[in-house]
Amino acid sequence: MSSGFGIAGGRGRCFNFWQEFTRCHVQAESTKECVQLFEDYQECLYHRKE
């Protein structure tokens, strides 16, 4: 899904957050364990928190 390449050809600014979230999702016994990482990824994408 995520190649890691940004619009300018380098790493996307949120790619590291995505990797951490997917790593947690694979290793976790419950998806609830990864909620904070998902929120961090969403914040990186949409800047909803101030």
PDB file of N, CA and C in Angstrom:
ATOM      1  N   MET A   1       0.815  -1.184   0.000  1.00  0.00           N
ATOM      2  CA  MET A   1       0.000   0.000   0.000  1.00  0.00           C
ATOM      3  C   MET A   1       0.863   1.254   0.000  1.00  0.00           C
ATOM      4  N   SER A   2       1.796   1.325   0.900  1.00  0.00           N
ATOM      5  CA  SER A   2       2.637   2.511   0.999  1.00  0.00           C
ATOM      6  C   SER A   2       4.039   2.181   0.523  1.00  0.00           C
ATOM      7  N   SER A   3       4.477   2.857  -0.506  1.00  0.00           N
ATOM      8  CA  SER A   3       5.788   2.556  -1.080  1.00  0.00           C
ATOM      9  C   SER A   3       6.917   3.220  -0.305  1.00  0.00           C
ATOM     10  N   GLY A   4       6.591   4.291   0.427  1.00  0.00           N
ATOM     11  CA  GLY A   4       7.621   5.017   1.153  1.00  0.00           C
ATOM     12  C   GLY A   4       8.197   6.179   0.377  1.00  0.00           C
ATOM     13  N   PHE A   5       7.781   6.351  -0.865  1.00  0.00           N
ATOM     14  CA  PHE A   5       8.283   7.448  -1.682  1.00  0.00           C
ATOM     15  C   PHE A   5       7.291   8.597  -1.677  1.00  0.00           C
ATOM     16  N   GLY A   6       7.785   9.794  -1.373  1.00  0.00           N
ATOM     17  CA  GLY A   6       6.953  10.982  -1.370  1.00  0.00           C
ATOM     18  C   GLY A   6       6.794  11.543  -2.769  1.00  0.00           C
ATOM     19  N   ILE A   7       6.109  12.641  -2.854  1.00  0.00           N
ATOM     20  CA  ILE A   7       5.814  13.261  -4.141  1.00  0.00           C
ATOM     21  C   ILE A   7       7.087  13.724  -4.851  1.00  0.00           C
ATOM     22  N   ALA A   8       8.116  14.068  -4.093  1.00  0.00           N
ATOM     23  CA  ALA A   8       9.370  14.532  -4.685  1.00  0.00           C
ATOM     24  C   ALA A   8      10.369  13.389  -4.888  1.00  0.00           C
ATOM     25  N   GLY A   9       9.953  12.162  -4.612  1.00  0.00           N
ATOM     26  CA  GLY A   9      10.823  11.017  -4.835  1.00  0.00           C
ATOM     27  C   GLY A   9      11.530  10.503  -3.599  1.00  0.00           C
ATOM     28  N   GLY A  10      11.572  11.295  -2.539  1.00  0.00           N
ATOM     29  CA  GLY A  10      12.196  10.857  -1.288  1.00  0.00           C
ATOM     30  C   GLY A  10      11.181  10.161  -0.392  1.00  0.00           C
ATOM     31  N   ARG A  11      11.588   9.908   0.827  1.00  0.00           N
ATOM     32  CA  ARG A  11      10.666   9.304   1.790  1.00  0.00           C
ATOM     33  C   ARG A  11       9.557  10.283   2.126  1.00  0.00           C
ATOM     34  N   GLY A  12       8.349   9.785   2.202  1.00  0.00           N
ATOM     35  CA  GLY A  12       7.220  10.605   2.614  1.00  0.00           C
ATOM     36  C   GLY A  12       7.351  10.988   4.077  1.00  0.00           C
ATOM     37  N   ARG A  13       6.779  12.123   4.459  1.00  0.00           N
ATOM     38  CA  ARG A  13       6.944  12.606   5.830  1.00  0.00           C
ATOM     39  C   ARG A  13       6.265  11.711   6.848  1.00  0.00           C
ATOM     40  N   CYS A  14       5.277  10.936   6.449  1.00  0.00           N
ATOM     41  CA  CYS A  14       4.542  10.094   7.388  1.00  0.00           C
ATOM     42  C   CYS A  14       4.881   8.614   7.247  1.00  0.00           C
ATOM     43  N   PHE A  15       5.820   8.291   6.392  1.00  0.00           N
ATOM     44  CA  PHE A  15       6.129   6.885   6.145  1.00  0.00           C
ATOM     45  C   PHE A  15       6.621   6.177   7.392  1.00  0.00           C
ATOM     46  N   ASN A  16       7.431   6.825   8.217  1.00  0.00           N
ATOM     47  CA  ASN A  16       7.922   6.192   9.444  1.00  0.00           C
ATOM     48  C   ASN A  16       6.781   5.880  10.407  1.00  0.00           C
ATOM     49  N   PHE A  17       5.791   6.782  10.493  1.00  0.00           N
ATOM     50  CA  PHE A  17       4.622   6.522  11.337  1.00  0.00           C
ATOM     51  C   PHE A  17       3.854   5.310  10.810  1.00  0.00           C
ATOM     52  N   TRP A  18       3.727   5.229   9.481  1.00  0.00           N
ATOM     53  CA  TRP A  18       3.034   4.103   8.861  1.00  0.00           C
ATOM     54  C   TRP A  18       3.745   2.789   9.169  1.00  0.00           C
ATOM     55  N   GLN A  19       5.058   2.775   9.069  1.00  0.00           N
ATOM     56  CA  GLN A  19       5.824   1.562   9.354  1.00  0.00           C
ATOM     57  C   GLN A  19       5.658   1.125  10.803  1.00  0.00           C
ATOM     58  N   GLU A  20       5.710   2.063  11.735  1.00  0.00           N
ATOM     59  CA  GLU A  20       5.538   1.726  13.150  1.00  0.00           C
ATOM     60  C   GLU A  20       4.155   1.145  13.405  1.00  0.00           C
ATOM     61  N   PHE A  21       3.136   1.762  12.802  1.00  0.00           N
ATOM     62  CA  PHE A  21       1.768   1.276  12.982  1.00  0.00           C
ATOM     63  C   PHE A  21       1.603  -0.127  12.411  1.00  0.00           C
ATOM     64  N   THR A  22       2.071  -0.378  11.214  1.00  0.00           N
ATOM     65  CA  THR A  22       1.908  -1.708  10.618  1.00  0.00           C
ATOM     66  C   THR A  22       2.710  -2.757  11.376  1.00  0.00           C
ATOM     67  N   ARG A  23       3.883  -2.400  11.873  1.00  0.00           N
ATOM     68  CA  ARG A  23       4.679  -3.334  12.679  1.00  0.00           C
ATOM     69  C   ARG A  23       3.915  -3.723  13.944  1.00  0.00           C
ATOM     70  N   CYS A  24       3.314  -2.750  14.591  1.00  0.00           N
ATOM     71  CA  CYS A  24       2.523  -3.016  15.789  1.00  0.00           C
ATOM     72  C   CYS A  24       1.332  -3.903  15.448  1.00  0.00           C
ATOM     73  N   HIS A  25       0.657  -3.587  14.361  1.00  0.00           N
ATOM     74  CA  HIS A  25      -0.544  -4.327  13.968  1.00  0.00           C
ATOM     75  C   HIS A  25      -0.233  -5.796  13.708  1.00  0.00           C
ATOM     76  N   VAL A  26       0.911  -6.073  13.146  1.00  0.00           N
ATOM     77  CA  VAL A  26       1.312  -7.453  12.859  1.00  0.00           C
ATOM     78  C   VAL A  26       1.652  -8.203  14.145  1.00  0.00           C
ATOM     79  N   GLN A  27       2.308  -7.535  15.082  1.00  0.00           N
ATOM     80  CA  GLN A  27       2.799  -8.195  16.289  1.00  0.00           C
ATOM     81  C   GLN A  27       1.808  -8.202  17.446  1.00  0.00           C
ATOM     82  N   ALA A  28       0.828  -7.332  17.432  1.00  0.00           N
ATOM     83  CA  ALA A  28      -0.077  -7.172  18.573  1.00  0.00           C
ATOM     84  C   ALA A  28      -1.090  -8.303  18.664  1.00  0.00           C
ATOM     85  N   GLU A  29      -1.465  -8.614  19.887  1.00  0.00           N
ATOM     86  CA  GLU A  29      -2.515  -9.603  20.114  1.00  0.00           C
ATOM     87  C   GLU A  29      -3.886  -8.973  19.927  1.00  0.00           C
ATOM     88  N   SER A  30      -3.971  -7.677  20.179  1.00  0.00           N
ATOM     89  CA  SER A  30      -5.222  -6.942  20.034  1.00  0.00           C
ATOM     90  C   SER A  30      -4.936  -5.650  19.273  1.00  0.00           C
ATOM     91  N   THR A  31      -5.850  -5.271  18.408  1.00  0.00           N
ATOM     92  CA  THR A  31      -5.651  -4.035  17.646  1.00  0.00           C
ATOM     93  C   THR A  31      -5.703  -2.808  18.549  1.00  0.00           C
ATOM     94  N   LYS A  32      -6.277  -2.960  19.739  1.00  0.00           N
ATOM     95  CA  LYS A  32      -6.349  -1.845  20.685  1.00  0.00           C
ATOM     96  C   LYS A  32      -4.962  -1.400  21.129  1.00  0.00           C
ATOM     97  N   GLU A  33      -3.986  -2.280  21.044  1.00  0.00           N
ATOM     98  CA  GLU A  33      -2.621  -1.949  21.436  1.00  0.00           C
ATOM     99  C   GLU A  33      -1.991  -0.918  20.499  1.00  0.00           C
ATOM    100  N   CYS A  34      -2.533  -0.771  19.312  1.00  0.00           N
ATOM    101  CA  CYS A  34      -1.925   0.087  18.288  1.00  0.00           C
ATOM    102  C   CYS A  34      -2.686   1.388  18.058  1.00  0.00           C
ATOM    103  N   VAL A  35      -3.665   1.671  18.891  1.00  0.00           N
ATOM    104  CA  VAL A  35      -4.491   2.860  18.684  1.00  0.00           C
ATOM    105  C   VAL A  35      -3.653   4.136  18.701  1.00  0.00           C
ATOM    106  N   GLN A  36      -2.738   4.256  19.649  1.00  0.00           N
ATOM    107  CA  GLN A  36      -1.918   5.470  19.747  1.00  0.00           C
ATOM    108  C   GLN A  36      -1.051   5.659  18.500  1.00  0.00           C
ATOM    109  N   LEU A  37      -0.496   4.576  17.999  1.00  0.00           N
ATOM    110  CA  LEU A  37       0.322   4.677  16.782  1.00  0.00           C
ATOM    111  C   LEU A  37      -0.528   5.084  15.584  1.00  0.00           C
ATOM    112  N   PHE A  38      -1.758   4.565  15.515  1.00  0.00           N
ATOM    113  CA  PHE A  38      -2.664   4.946  14.434  1.00  0.00           C
ATOM    114  C   PHE A  38      -3.011   6.430  14.528  1.00  0.00           C
ATOM    115  N   GLU A  39      -3.262   6.909  15.747  1.00  0.00           N
ATOM    116  CA  GLU A  39      -3.571   8.325  15.934  1.00  0.00           C
ATOM    117  C   GLU A  39      -2.387   9.207  15.547  1.00  0.00           C
ATOM    118  N   ASP A  40      -1.186   8.764  15.867  1.00  0.00           N
ATOM    119  CA  ASP A  40       0.011   9.514  15.468  1.00  0.00           C
ATOM    120  C   ASP A  40       0.124   9.591  13.949  1.00  0.00           C
ATOM    121  N   TYR A  41      -0.169   8.492  13.278  1.00  0.00           N
ATOM    122  CA  TYR A  41      -0.120   8.462  11.817  1.00  0.00           C
ATOM    123  C   TYR A  41      -1.174   9.405  11.225  1.00  0.00           C
ATOM    124  N   GLN A  42      -2.385   9.354  11.765  1.00  0.00           N
ATOM    125  CA  GLN A  42      -3.454  10.233  11.288  1.00  0.00           C
ATOM    126  C   GLN A  42      -3.097  11.705  11.515  1.00  0.00           C
ATOM    127  N   GLU A  43      -2.495  12.002  12.657  1.00  0.00           N
ATOM    128  CA  GLU A  43      -2.076  13.375  12.947  1.00  0.00           C
ATOM    129  C   GLU A  43      -1.029  13.844  11.947  1.00  0.00           C
ATOM    130  N   CYS A  44      -0.110  12.973  11.607  1.00  0.00           N
ATOM    131  CA  CYS A  44       0.908  13.326  10.622  1.00  0.00           C
ATOM    132  C   CYS A  44       0.265  13.644   9.269  1.00  0.00           C
ATOM    133  N   LEU A  45      -0.727  12.872   8.898  1.00  0.00           N
ATOM    134  CA  LEU A  45      -1.383  13.081   7.606  1.00  0.00           C
ATOM    135  C   LEU A  45      -2.239  14.342   7.571  1.00  0.00           C
ATOM    136  N   TYR A  46      -3.060  14.543   8.615  1.00  0.00           N
ATOM    137  CA  TYR A  46      -4.108  15.558   8.550  1.00  0.00           C
ATOM    138  C   TYR A  46      -3.913  16.752   9.478  1.00  0.00           C
ATOM    139  N   HIS A  47      -2.963  16.687  10.408  1.00  0.00           N
ATOM    140  CA  HIS A  47      -2.670  17.800  11.326  1.00  0.00           C
ATOM    141  C   HIS A  47      -3.920  18.299  12.049  1.00  0.00           C
ATOM    142  N   ARG A  48      -4.707  17.391  12.597  1.00  0.00           N
ATOM    143  CA  ARG A  48      -5.943  17.784  13.286  1.00  0.00           C
ATOM    144  C   ARG A  48      -5.692  18.282  14.698  1.00  0.00           C
ATOM    145  N   LYS A  49      -4.651  17.783  15.350  1.00  0.00           N
ATOM    146  CA  LYS A  49      -4.321  18.250  16.701  1.00  0.00           C
ATOM    147  C   LYS A  49      -3.419  19.473  16.576  1.00  0.00           C
ATOM    148  N   GLU A  50      -3.459  20.292  17.567  1.00  0.00           N
ATOM    149  CA  GLU A  50      -2.613  21.496  17.525  1.00  0.00           C
ATOM    150  C   GLU A  50      -1.449  21.353  18.426  1.00  0.00           C
TER     151      GLU A  50
END
